PDB file of N, CA and C in Angstrom:
ATOM      1  N   MET A   1     -14.238 -10.470  -3.504  1.00  0.00           N
ATOM      2  CA  MET A   1     -13.713 -10.439  -2.142  1.00  0.00           C
ATOM      3  C   MET A   1     -13.539  -8.982  -1.716  1.00  0.00           C
ATOM      4  N   THR A   2     -13.855  -8.700  -0.484  1.00  0.00           N
ATOM      5  CA  THR A   2     -13.668  -7.359   0.055  1.00  0.00           C
ATOM      6  C   THR A   2     -12.328  -7.296   0.780  1.00  0.00           C
ATOM      7  N   TYR A   3     -11.560  -6.284   0.451  1.00  0.00           N
ATOM      8  CA  TYR A   3     -10.269  -6.075   1.105  1.00  0.00           C
ATOM      9  C   TYR A   3     -10.425  -5.018   2.181  1.00  0.00           C
ATOM     10  N   ARG A   4      -9.546  -5.063   3.173  1.00  0.00           N
ATOM     11  CA  ARG A   4      -9.628  -4.133   4.297  1.00  0.00           C
ATOM     12  C   ARG A   4      -8.418  -3.215   4.318  1.00  0.00           C
ATOM     13  N   ARG A   5      -8.625  -2.056   4.901  1.00  0.00           N
ATOM     14  CA  ARG A   5      -7.529  -1.109   5.076  1.00  0.00           C
ATOM     15  C   ARG A   5      -6.417  -1.805   5.855  1.00  0.00           C
ATOM     16  N   GLY A   6      -5.202  -1.723   5.340  1.00  0.00           N
ATOM     17  CA  GLY A   6      -4.068  -2.385   5.978  1.00  0.00           C
ATOM     18  C   GLY A   6      -3.667  -3.679   5.307  1.00  0.00           C
ATOM     19  N   ASP A   7      -4.506  -4.183   4.394  1.00  0.00           N
ATOM     20  CA  ASP A   7      -4.149  -5.397   3.660  1.00  0.00           C
ATOM     21  C   ASP A   7      -3.032  -5.094   2.665  1.00  0.00           C
ATOM     22  N   VAL A   8      -2.043  -5.973   2.610  1.00  0.00           N
ATOM     23  CA  VAL A   8      -1.018  -5.914   1.575  1.00  0.00           C
ATOM     24  C   VAL A   8      -1.477  -6.891   0.501  1.00  0.00           C
ATOM     25  N   VAL A   9      -1.608  -6.388  -0.722  1.00  0.00           N
ATOM     26  CA  VAL A   9      -2.161  -7.188  -1.810  1.00  0.00           C
ATOM     27  C   VAL A   9      -1.192  -7.225  -2.986  1.00  0.00           C
ATOM     28  N   LEU A  10      -1.376  -8.211  -3.837  1.00  0.00           N
ATOM     29  CA  LEU A  10      -0.670  -8.283  -5.109  1.00  0.00           C
ATOM     30  C   LEU A  10      -1.667  -7.831  -6.161  1.00  0.00           C
ATOM     31  N   ALA A  11      -1.331  -6.758  -6.883  1.00  0.00           N
ATOM     32  CA  ALA A  11      -2.306  -6.148  -7.790  1.00  0.00           C
ATOM     33  C   ALA A  11      -1.630  -5.630  -9.056  1.00  0.00           C
ATOM     34  N   TRP A  12      -2.441  -5.467 -10.087  1.00  0.00           N
ATOM     35  CA  TRP A  12      -1.984  -4.783 -11.297  1.00  0.00           C
ATOM     36  C   TRP A  12      -2.037  -3.295 -10.994  1.00  0.00           C
ATOM     37  N   TYR A  13      -0.866  -2.696 -10.836  1.00  0.00           N
ATOM     38  CA  TYR A  13      -0.758  -1.290 -10.449  1.00  0.00           C
ATOM     39  C   TYR A  13      -0.515  -0.465 -11.706  1.00  0.00           C
ATOM     40  N   PRO A  14      -1.309   0.592 -11.930  1.00  0.00           N
ATOM     41  CA  PRO A  14      -1.184   1.367 -13.173  1.00  0.00           C
ATOM     42  C   PRO A  14       0.095   2.204 -13.214  1.00  0.00           C
ATOM     43  N   PHE A  15       0.647   2.350 -14.424  1.00  0.00           N
ATOM     44  CA  PHE A  15       1.770   3.268 -14.619  1.00  0.00           C
ATOM     45  C   PHE A  15       1.253   4.695 -14.507  1.00  0.00           C
ATOM     46  N   ALA A  16       2.116   5.620 -14.118  1.00  0.00           N
ATOM     47  CA  ALA A  16       1.733   7.029 -13.969  1.00  0.00           C
ATOM     48  C   ALA A  16       1.229   7.619 -15.282  1.00  0.00           C
ATOM     49  N   SER A  17       1.700   7.090 -16.403  1.00  0.00           N
ATOM     50  CA  SER A  17       1.277   7.595 -17.715  1.00  0.00           C
ATOM     51  C   SER A  17      -0.181   7.256 -18.013  1.00  0.00           C
ATOM     52  N   GLY A  18      -0.733   6.309 -17.261  1.00  0.00           N
ATOM     53  CA  GLY A  18      -2.113   5.901 -17.503  1.00  0.00           C
ATOM     54  C   GLY A  18      -2.233   4.762 -18.498  1.00  0.00           C
ATOM     55  N   THR A  19      -1.135   4.428 -19.162  1.00  0.00           N
ATOM     56  CA  THR A  19      -1.157   3.309 -20.098  1.00  0.00           C
ATOM     57  C   THR A  19      -0.385   2.138 -19.522  1.00  0.00           C
ATOM     58  N   GLY A  20      -1.066   1.027 -19.356  1.00  0.00           N
ATOM     59  CA  GLY A  20      -0.422  -0.170 -18.854  1.00  0.00           C
ATOM     60  C   GLY A  20      -0.252  -0.165 -17.348  1.00  0.00           C
ATOM     61  N   GLY A  21       0.478  -1.157 -16.895  1.00  0.00           N
ATOM     62  CA  GLY A  21       0.721  -1.305 -15.477  1.00  0.00           C
ATOM     63  C   GLY A  21       1.607  -2.505 -15.237  1.00  0.00           C
ATOM     64  N   SER A  22       1.860  -2.804 -13.976  1.00  0.00           N
ATOM     65  CA  SER A  22       2.676  -3.965 -13.647  1.00  0.00           C
ATOM     66  C   SER A  22       2.123  -4.636 -12.398  1.00  0.00           C
ATOM     67  N   LEU A  23       2.416  -5.904 -12.285  1.00  0.00           N
ATOM     68  CA  LEU A  23       1.995  -6.676 -11.121  1.00  0.00           C
ATOM     69  C   LEU A  23       2.968  -6.378  -9.984  1.00  0.00           C
ATOM     70  N   ARG A  24       2.435  -5.872  -8.876  1.00  0.00           N
ATOM     71  CA  ARG A  24       3.296  -5.488  -7.763  1.00  0.00           C
ATOM     72  C   ARG A  24       2.496  -5.473  -6.468  1.00  0.00           C
ATOM     73  N   PRO A  25       3.197  -5.481  -5.335  1.00  0.00           N
ATOM     74  CA  PRO A  25       2.475  -5.348  -4.071  1.00  0.00           C
ATOM     75  C   PRO A  25       1.966  -3.924  -3.889  1.00  0.00           C
ATOM     76  N   ALA A  26       0.867  -3.814  -3.185  1.00  0.00           N
ATOM     77  CA  ALA A  26       0.268  -2.515  -2.879  1.00  0.00           C
ATOM     78  C   ALA A  26      -0.410  -2.629  -1.518  1.00  0.00           C
ATOM     79  N   LEU A  27      -0.620  -1.479  -0.898  1.00  0.00           N
ATOM     80  CA  LEU A  27      -1.258  -1.429   0.414  1.00  0.00           C
ATOM     81  C   LEU A  27      -2.625  -0.780   0.284  1.00  0.00           C
ATOM     82  N   VAL A  28      -3.662  -1.452   0.765  1.00  0.00           N
ATOM     83  CA  VAL A  28      -5.010  -0.876   0.748  1.00  0.00           C
ATOM     84  C   VAL A  28      -5.065   0.215   1.815  1.00  0.00           C
ATOM     85  N   VAL A  29      -5.366   1.462   1.389  1.00  0.00           N
ATOM     86  CA  VAL A  29      -5.425   2.585   2.329  1.00  0.00           C
ATOM     87  C   VAL A  29      -6.828   3.184   2.431  1.00  0.00           C
ATOM     88  N   GLN A  30      -7.731   2.751   1.574  1.00  0.00           N
ATOM     89  CA  GLN A  30      -9.112   3.259   1.622  1.00  0.00           C
ATOM     90  C   GLN A  30      -9.829   2.716   2.860  1.00  0.00           C
ATOM     91  N   ASN A  31     -10.789   3.480   3.378  1.00  0.00           N
ATOM     92  CA  ASN A  31     -11.524   3.057   4.576  1.00  0.00           C
ATOM     93  C   ASN A  31     -12.377   1.814   4.298  1.00  0.00           C
ATOM     94  N   ASP A  32     -12.631   1.046   5.347  1.00  0.00           N
ATOM     95  CA  ASP A  32     -13.343  -0.225   5.204  1.00  0.00           C
ATOM     96  C   ASP A  32     -14.785  -0.061   4.740  1.00  0.00           C
ATOM     97  N   ALA A  33     -15.450   1.017   5.141  1.00  0.00           N
ATOM     98  CA  ALA A  33     -16.840   1.228   4.710  1.00  0.00           C
ATOM     99  C   ALA A  33     -16.914   1.339   3.191  1.00  0.00           C
ATOM    100  N   ASP A  34     -16.025   2.122   2.599  1.00  0.00           N
ATOM    101  CA  ASP A  34     -16.022   2.248   1.141  1.00  0.00           C
ATOM    102  C   ASP A  34     -15.535   0.973   0.469  1.00  0.00           C
ATOM    103  N   ASN A  35     -14.601   0.273   1.093  1.00  0.00           N
ATOM    104  CA  ASN A  35     -14.144  -0.998   0.524  1.00  0.00           C
ATOM    105  C   ASN A  35     -15.292  -1.995   0.433  1.00  0.00           C
ATOM    106  N   THR A  36     -16.213  -1.942   1.388  1.00  0.00           N
ATOM    107  CA  THR A  36     -17.346  -2.864   1.409  1.00  0.00           C
ATOM    108  C   THR A  36     -18.386  -2.526   0.353  1.00  0.00           C
ATOM    109  N   ARG A  37     -18.645  -1.247   0.150  1.00  0.00           N
ATOM    110  CA  ARG A  37     -19.759  -0.867  -0.722  1.00  0.00           C
ATOM    111  C   ARG A  37     -19.368  -0.522  -2.154  1.00  0.00           C
ATOM    112  N   MET A  38     -18.089  -0.408  -2.435  1.00  0.00           N
ATOM    113  CA  MET A  38     -17.656  -0.020  -3.771  1.00  0.00           C
ATOM    114  C   MET A  38     -16.880  -1.159  -4.426  1.00  0.00           C
ATOM    115  N   GLY A  39     -16.783  -1.135  -5.722  1.00  0.00           N
ATOM    116  CA  GLY A  39     -16.046  -2.166  -6.452  1.00  0.00           C
ATOM    117  C   GLY A  39     -14.600  -1.791  -6.712  1.00  0.00           C
ATOM    118  N   ASN A  40     -14.161  -0.693  -6.082  1.00  0.00           N
ATOM    119  CA  ASN A  40     -12.764  -0.294  -6.241  1.00  0.00           C
ATOM    120  C   ASN A  40     -12.202   0.097  -4.881  1.00  0.00           C
ATOM    121  N   THR A  41     -10.891   0.306  -4.858  1.00  0.00           N
ATOM    122  CA  THR A  41     -10.237   0.693  -3.611  1.00  0.00           C
ATOM    123  C   THR A  41      -9.043   1.586  -3.912  1.00  0.00           C
ATOM    124  N   ILE A  42      -8.612   2.326  -2.929  1.00  0.00           N
ATOM    125  CA  ILE A  42      -7.423   3.168  -3.069  1.00  0.00           C
ATOM    126  C   ILE A  42      -6.249   2.414  -2.455  1.00  0.00           C
ATOM    127  N   VAL A  43      -5.162   2.324  -3.223  1.00  0.00           N
ATOM    128  CA  VAL A  43      -3.969   1.619  -2.762  1.00  0.00           C
ATOM    129  C   VAL A  43      -2.747   2.528  -2.869  1.00  0.00           C
ATOM    130  N   ALA A  44      -1.753   2.235  -2.046  1.00  0.00           N
ATOM    131  CA  ALA A  44      -0.453   2.901  -2.111  1.00  0.00           C
ATOM    132  C   ALA A  44       0.549   1.907  -2.683  1.00  0.00           C
ATOM    133  N   GLN A  45       1.387   2.395  -3.568  1.00  0.00           N
ATOM    134  CA  GLN A  45       2.399   1.549  -4.186  1.00  0.00           C
ATOM    135  C   GLN A  45       3.415   1.086  -3.144  1.00  0.00           C
ATOM    136  N   ILE A  46       3.871  -0.152  -3.303  1.00  0.00           N
ATOM    137  CA  ILE A  46       4.966  -0.683  -2.494  1.00  0.00           C
ATOM    138  C   ILE A  46       6.099  -1.022  -3.451  1.00  0.00           C
ATOM    139  N   THR A  47       7.303  -0.581  -3.107  1.00  0.00           N
ATOM    140  CA  THR A  47       8.459  -0.798  -3.974  1.00  0.00           C
ATOM    141  C   THR A  47       9.651  -1.309  -3.171  1.00  0.00           C
ATOM    142  N   THR A  48      10.540  -2.027  -3.837  1.00  0.00           N
ATOM    143  CA  THR A  48      11.778  -2.468  -3.188  1.00  0.00           C
ATOM    144  C   THR A  48      12.891  -1.439  -3.371  1.00  0.00           C
ATOM    145  N   ASN A  49      12.612  -0.356  -4.082  1.00  0.00           N
ATOM    146  CA  ASN A  49      13.578   0.734  -4.228  1.00  0.00           C
ATOM    147  C   ASN A  49      13.584   1.522  -2.915  1.00  0.00           C
ATOM    148  N   LEU A  50      14.648   1.398  -2.155  1.00  0.00           N
ATOM    149  CA  LEU A  50      14.716   1.966  -0.807  1.00  0.00           C
ATOM    150  C   LEU A  50      15.315   3.375  -0.762  1.00  0.00           C
ATOM    151  N   MET A  51      15.565   3.978  -1.916  1.00  0.00           N
ATOM    152  CA  MET A  51      16.214   5.296  -1.960  1.00  0.00           C
ATOM    153  C   MET A  51      15.491   6.350  -1.122  1.00  0.00           C
ATOM    154  N   ARG A  52      14.180   6.309  -1.068  1.00  0.00           N
ATOM    155  CA  ARG A  52      13.410   7.339  -0.365  1.00  0.00           C
ATOM    156  C   ARG A  52      12.888   6.871   0.993  1.00  0.00           C
ATOM    157  N   ALA A  53      13.457   5.807   1.503  1.00  0.00           N
ATOM    158  CA  ALA A  53      12.962   5.212   2.750  1.00  0.00           C
ATOM    159  C   ALA A  53      12.950   6.187   3.921  1.00  0.00           C
ATOM    160  N   GLY A  54      13.838   7.158   3.945  1.00  0.00           N
ATOM    161  CA  GLY A  54      13.902   8.093   5.059  1.00  0.00           C
ATOM    162  C   GLY A  54      13.029   9.319   4.913  1.00  0.00           C
ATOM    163  N   GLU A  55      12.356   9.454   3.776  1.00  0.00           N
ATOM    164  CA  GLU A  55      11.511  10.628   3.548  1.00  0.00           C
ATOM    165  C   GLU A  55      10.196  10.501   4.312  1.00  0.00           C
ATOM    166  N   PRO A  56       9.615  11.624   4.739  1.00  0.00           N
ATOM    167  CA  PRO A  56       8.371  11.568   5.516  1.00  0.00           C
ATOM    168  C   PRO A  56       7.182  10.994   4.746  1.00  0.00           C
ATOM    169  N   THR A  57       7.242  10.992   3.424  1.00  0.00           N
ATOM    170  CA  THR A  57       6.138  10.469   2.612  1.00  0.00           C
ATOM    171  C   THR A  57       6.261   8.966   2.359  1.00  0.00           C
ATOM    172  N   HIS A  58       7.298   8.347   2.902  1.00  0.00           N
ATOM    173  CA  HIS A  58       7.550   6.926   2.659  1.00  0.00           C
ATOM    174  C   HIS A  58       7.733   6.182   3.977  1.00  0.00           C
ATOM    175  N   LEU A  59       7.365   4.911   3.975  1.00  0.00           N
ATOM    176  CA  LEU A  59       7.504   4.084   5.174  1.00  0.00           C
ATOM    177  C   LEU A  59       8.271   2.815   4.828  1.00  0.00           C
ATOM    178  N   LEU A  60       9.365   2.584   5.525  1.00  0.00           N
ATOM    179  CA  LEU A  60      10.181   1.393   5.321  1.00  0.00           C
ATOM    180  C   LEU A  60       9.561   0.205   6.047  1.00  0.00           C
ATOM    181  N   ILE A  61       9.474  -0.912   5.347  1.00  0.00           N
ATOM    182  CA  ILE A  61       9.033  -2.175   5.948  1.00  0.00           C
ATOM    183  C   ILE A  61      10.213  -3.138   5.857  1.00  0.00           C
ATOM    184  N   GLU A  62      10.748  -3.515   7.011  1.00  0.00           N
ATOM    185  CA  GLU A  62      11.884  -4.429   7.055  1.00  0.00           C
ATOM    186  C   GLU A  62      11.370  -5.841   7.311  1.00  0.00           C
ATOM    187  N   THR A  63      11.644  -6.737   6.373  1.00  0.00           N
ATOM    188  CA  THR A  63      11.074  -8.085   6.446  1.00  0.00           C
ATOM    189  C   THR A  63      11.672  -8.933   7.567  1.00  0.00           C
ATOM    190  N   ALA A  64      12.786  -8.504   8.147  1.00  0.00           N
ATOM    191  CA  ALA A  64      13.395  -9.261   9.248  1.00  0.00           C
ATOM    192  C   ALA A  64      12.682  -9.019  10.577  1.00  0.00           C
ATOM    193  N   THR A  65      11.803  -8.016  10.623  1.00  0.00           N
ATOM    194  CA  THR A  65      11.073  -7.704  11.855  1.00  0.00           C
ATOM    195  C   THR A  65       9.763  -8.487  11.894  1.00  0.00           C
ATOM    196  N   PRO A  66       9.181  -8.676  13.088  1.00  0.00           N
ATOM    197  CA  PRO A  66       7.885  -9.360  13.157  1.00  0.00           C
ATOM    198  C   PRO A  66       6.813  -8.663  12.309  1.00  0.00           C
ATOM    199  N   GLU A  67       6.775  -7.331  12.359  1.00  0.00           N
ATOM    200  CA  GLU A  67       5.779  -6.602  11.559  1.00  0.00           C
ATOM    201  C   GLU A  67       6.053  -6.758  10.071  1.00  0.00           C
ATOM    202  N   GLY A  68       7.331  -6.812   9.709  1.00  0.00           N
ATOM    203  CA  GLY A  68       7.685  -7.008   8.302  1.00  0.00           C
ATOM    204  C   GLY A  68       7.274  -8.381   7.805  1.00  0.00           C
ATOM    205  N   ARG A  69       7.453  -9.394   8.641  1.00  0.00           N
ATOM    206  CA  ARG A  69       7.037 -10.751   8.250  1.00  0.00           C
ATOM    207  C   ARG A  69       5.521 -10.828   8.080  1.00  0.00           C
ATOM    208  N   GLN A  70       4.793 -10.118   8.932  1.00  0.00           N
ATOM    209  CA  GLN A  70       3.327 -10.102   8.857  1.00  0.00           C
ATOM    210  C   GLN A  70       2.845  -9.484   7.540  1.00  0.00           C
ATOM    211  N   SER A  71       3.674  -8.638   6.929  1.00  0.00           N
ATOM    212  CA  SER A  71       3.286  -7.965   5.682  1.00  0.00           C
ATOM    213  C   SER A  71       3.199  -8.928   4.503  1.00  0.00           C
ATOM    214  N   GLY A  72       3.893 -10.055   4.589  1.00  0.00           N
ATOM    215  CA  GLY A  72       3.903 -11.002   3.485  1.00  0.00           C
ATOM    216  C   GLY A  72       4.878 -10.639   2.376  1.00  0.00           C
ATOM    217  N   LEU A  73       5.596  -9.545   2.543  1.00  0.00           N
ATOM    218  CA  LEU A  73       6.558  -9.112   1.522  1.00  0.00           C
ATOM    219  C   LEU A  73       7.815  -9.974   1.592  1.00  0.00           C
ATOM    220  N   LEU A  74       8.460 -10.192   0.460  1.00  0.00           N
ATOM    221  CA  LEU A  74       9.642 -11.041   0.399  1.00  0.00           C
ATOM    222  C   LEU A  74      10.937 -10.269   0.631  1.00  0.00           C
ATOM    223  N   HIS A  75      10.914  -8.960   0.389  1.00  0.00           N
ATOM    224  CA  HIS A  75      12.109  -8.124   0.493  1.00  0.00           C
ATOM    225  C   HIS A  75      11.772  -6.849   1.259  1.00  0.00           C
ATOM    226  N   ASP A  76      12.791  -6.245   1.872  1.00  0.00           N
ATOM    227  CA  ASP A  76      12.593  -4.931   2.474  1.00  0.00           C
ATOM    228  C   ASP A  76      11.977  -4.028   1.416  1.00  0.00           C
ATOM    229  N   SER A  77      10.977  -3.265   1.805  1.00  0.00           N
ATOM    230  CA  SER A  77      10.210  -2.474   0.843  1.00  0.00           C
ATOM    231  C   SER A  77       9.798  -1.149   1.452  1.00  0.00           C
ATOM    232  N   VAL A  78       9.303  -0.272   0.604  1.00  0.00           N
ATOM    233  CA  VAL A  78       8.842   1.044   1.019  1.00  0.00           C
ATOM    234  C   VAL A  78       7.415   1.247   0.539  1.00  0.00           C
ATOM    235  N   VAL A  79       6.541   1.684   1.447  1.00  0.00           N
ATOM    236  CA  VAL A  79       5.193   2.114   1.070  1.00  0.00           C
ATOM    237  C   VAL A  79       5.312   3.575   0.658  1.00  0.00           C
ATOM    238  N   SER A  80       4.876   3.873  -0.552  1.00  0.00           N
ATOM    239  CA  SER A  80       4.974   5.236  -1.087  1.00  0.00           C
ATOM    240  C   SER A  80       3.669   5.980  -0.842  1.00  0.00           C
ATOM    241  N   GLY A  81       3.670   6.844   0.156  1.00  0.00           N
ATOM    242  CA  GLY A  81       2.477   7.622   0.469  1.00  0.00           C
ATOM    243  C   GLY A  81       2.140   8.648  -0.587  1.00  0.00           C
ATOM    244  N   ASN A  82       3.075   8.891  -1.481  1.00  0.00           N
ATOM    245  CA  ASN A  82       2.829   9.863  -2.546  1.00  0.00           C
ATOM    246  C   ASN A  82       2.582   9.202  -3.900  1.00  0.00           C
ATOM    247  N   ASN A  83       2.339   7.903  -3.895  1.00  0.00           N
ATOM    248  CA  ASN A  83       2.022   7.193  -5.136  1.00  0.00           C
ATOM    249  C   ASN A  83       0.779   6.338  -4.890  1.00  0.00           C
ATOM    250  N   LEU A  84      -0.378   6.974  -5.037  1.00  0.00           N
ATOM    251  CA  LEU A  84      -1.667   6.332  -4.774  1.00  0.00           C
ATOM    252  C   LEU A  84      -2.397   6.094  -6.084  1.00  0.00           C
ATOM    253  N   ALA A  85      -3.244   5.074  -6.086  1.00  0.00           N
ATOM    254  CA  ALA A  85      -4.079   4.804  -7.259  1.00  0.00           C
ATOM    255  C   ALA A  85      -5.412   4.233  -6.797  1.00  0.00           C
ATOM    256  N   THR A  86      -6.456   4.550  -7.535  1.00  0.00           N
ATOM    257  CA  THR A  86      -7.751   3.910  -7.334  1.00  0.00           C
ATOM    258  C   THR A  86      -7.839   2.798  -8.363  1.00  0.00           C
ATOM    259  N   ILE A  87      -7.999   1.571  -7.889  1.00  0.00           N
ATOM    260  CA  ILE A  87      -8.062   0.430  -8.802  1.00  0.00           C
ATOM    261  C   ILE A  87      -9.319  -0.386  -8.527  1.00  0.00           C
ATOM    262  N   GLU A  88      -9.794  -1.065  -9.554  1.00  0.00           N
ATOM    263  CA  GLU A  88     -10.921  -1.978  -9.384  1.00  0.00           C
ATOM    264  C   GLU A  88     -10.449  -3.200  -8.604  1.00  0.00           C
ATOM    265  N   GLU A  89     -11.335  -3.735  -7.783  1.00  0.00           N
ATOM    266  CA  GLU A  89     -10.976  -4.930  -7.003  1.00  0.00           C
ATOM    267  C   GLU A  89     -10.593  -6.099  -7.900  1.00  0.00           C
ATOM    268  N   THR A  90     -11.104  -6.118  -9.126  1.00  0.00           N
ATOM    269  CA  THR A  90     -10.774  -7.204 -10.052  1.00  0.00           C
ATOM    270  C   THR A  90      -9.296  -7.189 -10.440  1.00  0.00           C
ATOM    271  N   LEU A  91      -8.601  -6.071 -10.210  1.00  0.00           N
ATOM    272  CA  LEU A  91      -7.172  -5.981 -10.521  1.00  0.00           C
ATOM    273  C   LEU A  91      -6.302  -6.515  -9.385  1.00  0.00           C
ATOM    274  N   ILE A  92      -6.941  -6.875  -8.270  1.00  0.00           N
ATOM    275  CA  ILE A  92      -6.210  -7.454  -7.140  1.00  0.00           C
ATOM    276  C   ILE A  92      -6.238  -8.971  -7.276  1.00  0.00           C
ATOM    277  N   LEU A  93      -5.051  -9.568  -7.344  1.00  0.00           N
ATOM    278  CA  LEU A  93      -4.965 -11.020  -7.470  1.00  0.00           C
ATOM    279  C   LEU A  93      -5.238 -11.716  -6.147  1.00  0.00           C
ATOM    280  N   ARG A  94      -4.593 -11.204  -5.075  1.00  0.00           N
ATOM    281  CA  ARG A  94      -4.793 -11.832  -3.766  1.00  0.00           C
ATOM    282  C   ARG A  94      -4.166 -10.977  -2.667  1.00  0.00           C
ATOM    283  N   LYS A  95      -4.576 -11.271  -1.463  1.00  0.00           N
ATOM    284  CA  LYS A  95      -3.972 -10.668  -0.269  1.00  0.00           C
ATOM    285  C   LYS A  95      -2.737 -11.486   0.070  1.00  0.00           C
ATOM    286  N   ILE A  96      -1.624 -10.792   0.370  1.00  0.00           N
ATOM    287  CA  ILE A  96      -0.405 -11.518   0.737  1.00  0.00           C
ATOM    288  C   ILE A  96      -0.010 -11.301   2.194  1.00  0.00           C
ATOM    289  N   GLY A  97      -0.612 -10.299   2.842  1.00  0.00           N
ATOM    290  CA  GLY A  97      -0.276 -10.022   4.232  1.00  0.00           C
ATOM    291  C   GLY A  97      -1.075  -8.850   4.757  1.00  0.00           C
ATOM    292  N   ARG A  98      -0.625  -8.337   5.875  1.00  0.00           N
ATOM    293  CA  ARG A  98      -1.350  -7.241   6.523  1.00  0.00           C
ATOM    294  C   ARG A  98      -0.366  -6.431   7.358  1.00  0.00           C
ATOM    295  N   LEU A  99      -0.604  -5.117   7.443  1.00  0.00           N
ATOM    296  CA  LEU A  99       0.197  -4.270   8.324  1.00  0.00           C
ATOM    297  C   LEU A  99      -0.532  -4.095   9.651  1.00  0.00           C
ATOM    298  N   SER A 100       0.238  -4.048  10.720  1.00  0.00           N
ATOM    299  CA  SER A 100      -0.318  -3.874  12.065  1.00  0.00           C
ATOM    300  C   SER A 100      -0.882  -2.467  12.223  1.00  0.00           C
ATOM    301  N   ALA A 101      -1.640  -2.268  13.289  1.00  0.00           N
ATOM    302  CA  ALA A 101      -2.192  -0.940  13.585  1.00  0.00           C
ATOM    303  C   ALA A 101      -1.063   0.072  13.796  1.00  0.00           C
ATOM    304  N   THR A 102       0.025  -0.368  14.405  1.00  0.00           N
ATOM    305  CA  THR A 102       1.177   0.518  14.613  1.00  0.00           C
ATOM    306  C   THR A 102       1.769   0.964  13.282  1.00  0.00           C
ATOM    307  N   MET A 103       1.940   0.018  12.367  1.00  0.00           N
ATOM    308  CA  MET A 103       2.483   0.358  11.045  1.00  0.00           C
ATOM    309  C   MET A 103       1.509   1.238  10.269  1.00  0.00           C
ATOM    310  N   MET A 104       0.211   0.971  10.400  1.00  0.00           N
ATOM    311  CA  MET A 104      -0.772   1.787   9.678  1.00  0.00           C
ATOM    312  C   MET A 104      -0.800   3.218  10.211  1.00  0.00           C
ATOM    313  N   ALA A 105      -0.522   3.400  11.498  1.00  0.00           N
ATOM    314  CA  ALA A 105      -0.428   4.760  12.042  1.00  0.00           C
ATOM    315  C   ALA A 105       0.738   5.498  11.386  1.00  0.00           C
ATOM    316  N   LYS A 106       1.817   4.782  11.121  1.00  0.00           N
ATOM    317  CA  LYS A 106       2.962   5.381  10.423  1.00  0.00           C
ATOM    318  C   LYS A 106       2.613   5.667   8.963  1.00  0.00           C
ATOM    319  N   VAL A 107       1.844   4.778   8.344  1.00  0.00           N
ATOM    320  CA  VAL A 107       1.372   5.021   6.973  1.00  0.00           C
ATOM    321  C   VAL A 107       0.520   6.284   6.955  1.00  0.00           C
ATOM    322  N   ASP A 108      -0.348   6.437   7.950  1.00  0.00           N
ATOM    323  CA  ASP A 108      -1.174   7.652   8.040  1.00  0.00           C
ATOM    324  C   ASP A 108      -0.296   8.901   8.054  1.00  0.00           C
ATOM    325  N   GLY A 109       0.814   8.844   8.779  1.00  0.00           N
ATOM    326  CA  GLY A 109       1.744   9.965   8.807  1.00  0.00           C
ATOM    327  C   GLY A 109       2.339  10.244   7.437  1.00  0.00           C
ATOM    328  N   SER A 110       2.663   9.179   6.709  1.00  0.00           N
ATOM    329  CA  SER A 110       3.199   9.335   5.350  1.00  0.00           C
ATOM    330  C   SER A 110       2.163   9.941   4.413  1.00  0.00           C
ATOM    331  N   LEU A 111       0.915   9.500   4.553  1.00  0.00           N
ATOM    332  CA  LEU A 111      -0.158  10.047   3.715  1.00  0.00           C
ATOM    333  C   LEU A 111      -0.400  11.518   4.042  1.00  0.00           C
ATOM    334  N   LYS A 112      -0.382  11.850   5.322  1.00  0.00           N
ATOM    335  CA  LYS A 112      -0.564  13.250   5.723  1.00  0.00           C
ATOM    336  C   LYS A 112       0.546  14.128   5.150  1.00  0.00           C
ATOM    337  N   ALA A 113       1.775  13.634   5.192  1.00  0.00           N
ATOM    338  CA  ALA A 113       2.898  14.400   4.639  1.00  0.00           C
ATOM    339  C   ALA A 113       2.748  14.566   3.128  1.00  0.00           C
ATOM    340  N   ALA A 114       2.343  13.499   2.448  1.00  0.00           N
ATOM    341  CA  ALA A 114       2.206  13.553   0.990  1.00  0.00           C
ATOM    342  C   ALA A 114       1.087  14.489   0.554  1.00  0.00           C
ATOM    343  N   LEU A 115       0.012  14.529   1.337  1.00  0.00           N
ATOM    344  CA  LEU A 115      -1.162  15.325   0.962  1.00  0.00           C
ATOM    345  C   LEU A 115      -1.220  16.668   1.687  1.00  0.00           C
ATOM    346  N   ALA A 116      -0.186  16.979   2.462  1.00  0.00           N
ATOM    347  CA  ALA A 116      -0.108  18.233   3.226  1.00  0.00           C
ATOM    348  C   ALA A 116      -1.330  18.431   4.116  1.00  0.00           C
ATOM    349  N   LEU A 117      -1.718  17.346   4.816  1.00  0.00           N
ATOM    350  CA  LEU A 117      -2.845  17.405   5.746  1.00  0.00           C
ATOM    351  C   LEU A 117      -2.330  17.692   7.147  1.00  0.00           C
ATOM    352  N   PRO A 118      -3.125  18.391   7.966  1.00  0.00           N
ATOM    353  CA  PRO A 118      -2.672  18.692   9.340  1.00  0.00           C
ATOM    354  C   PRO A 118      -2.613  17.446  10.209  1.00  0.00           C
TER     355      PRO A 118
END
């Protein structure tokens, strides 16, 4: 299955150490052209740890909002623009939701802050 930029997926996300991983939600941030032609994708980690929700590299998703409900997440969560991984599509179990264009524009801001892009 091909995933699209903005899809919220349930995936085996690798630990930073490179050994092992855990099943968790992630956001597909790679462009759709590469998602179509490659067997892997770039994802941003999603966590329920809200400590960094106000930082420019993170985006809060509140499940009580219409956009939060569209995400498919069960709890208020944060997209971590500074915690990216390239994973094989086979590590994605399924799509659970999607972020709106408005939310993805905010994700773009988080990615720009994390990568120091203009």
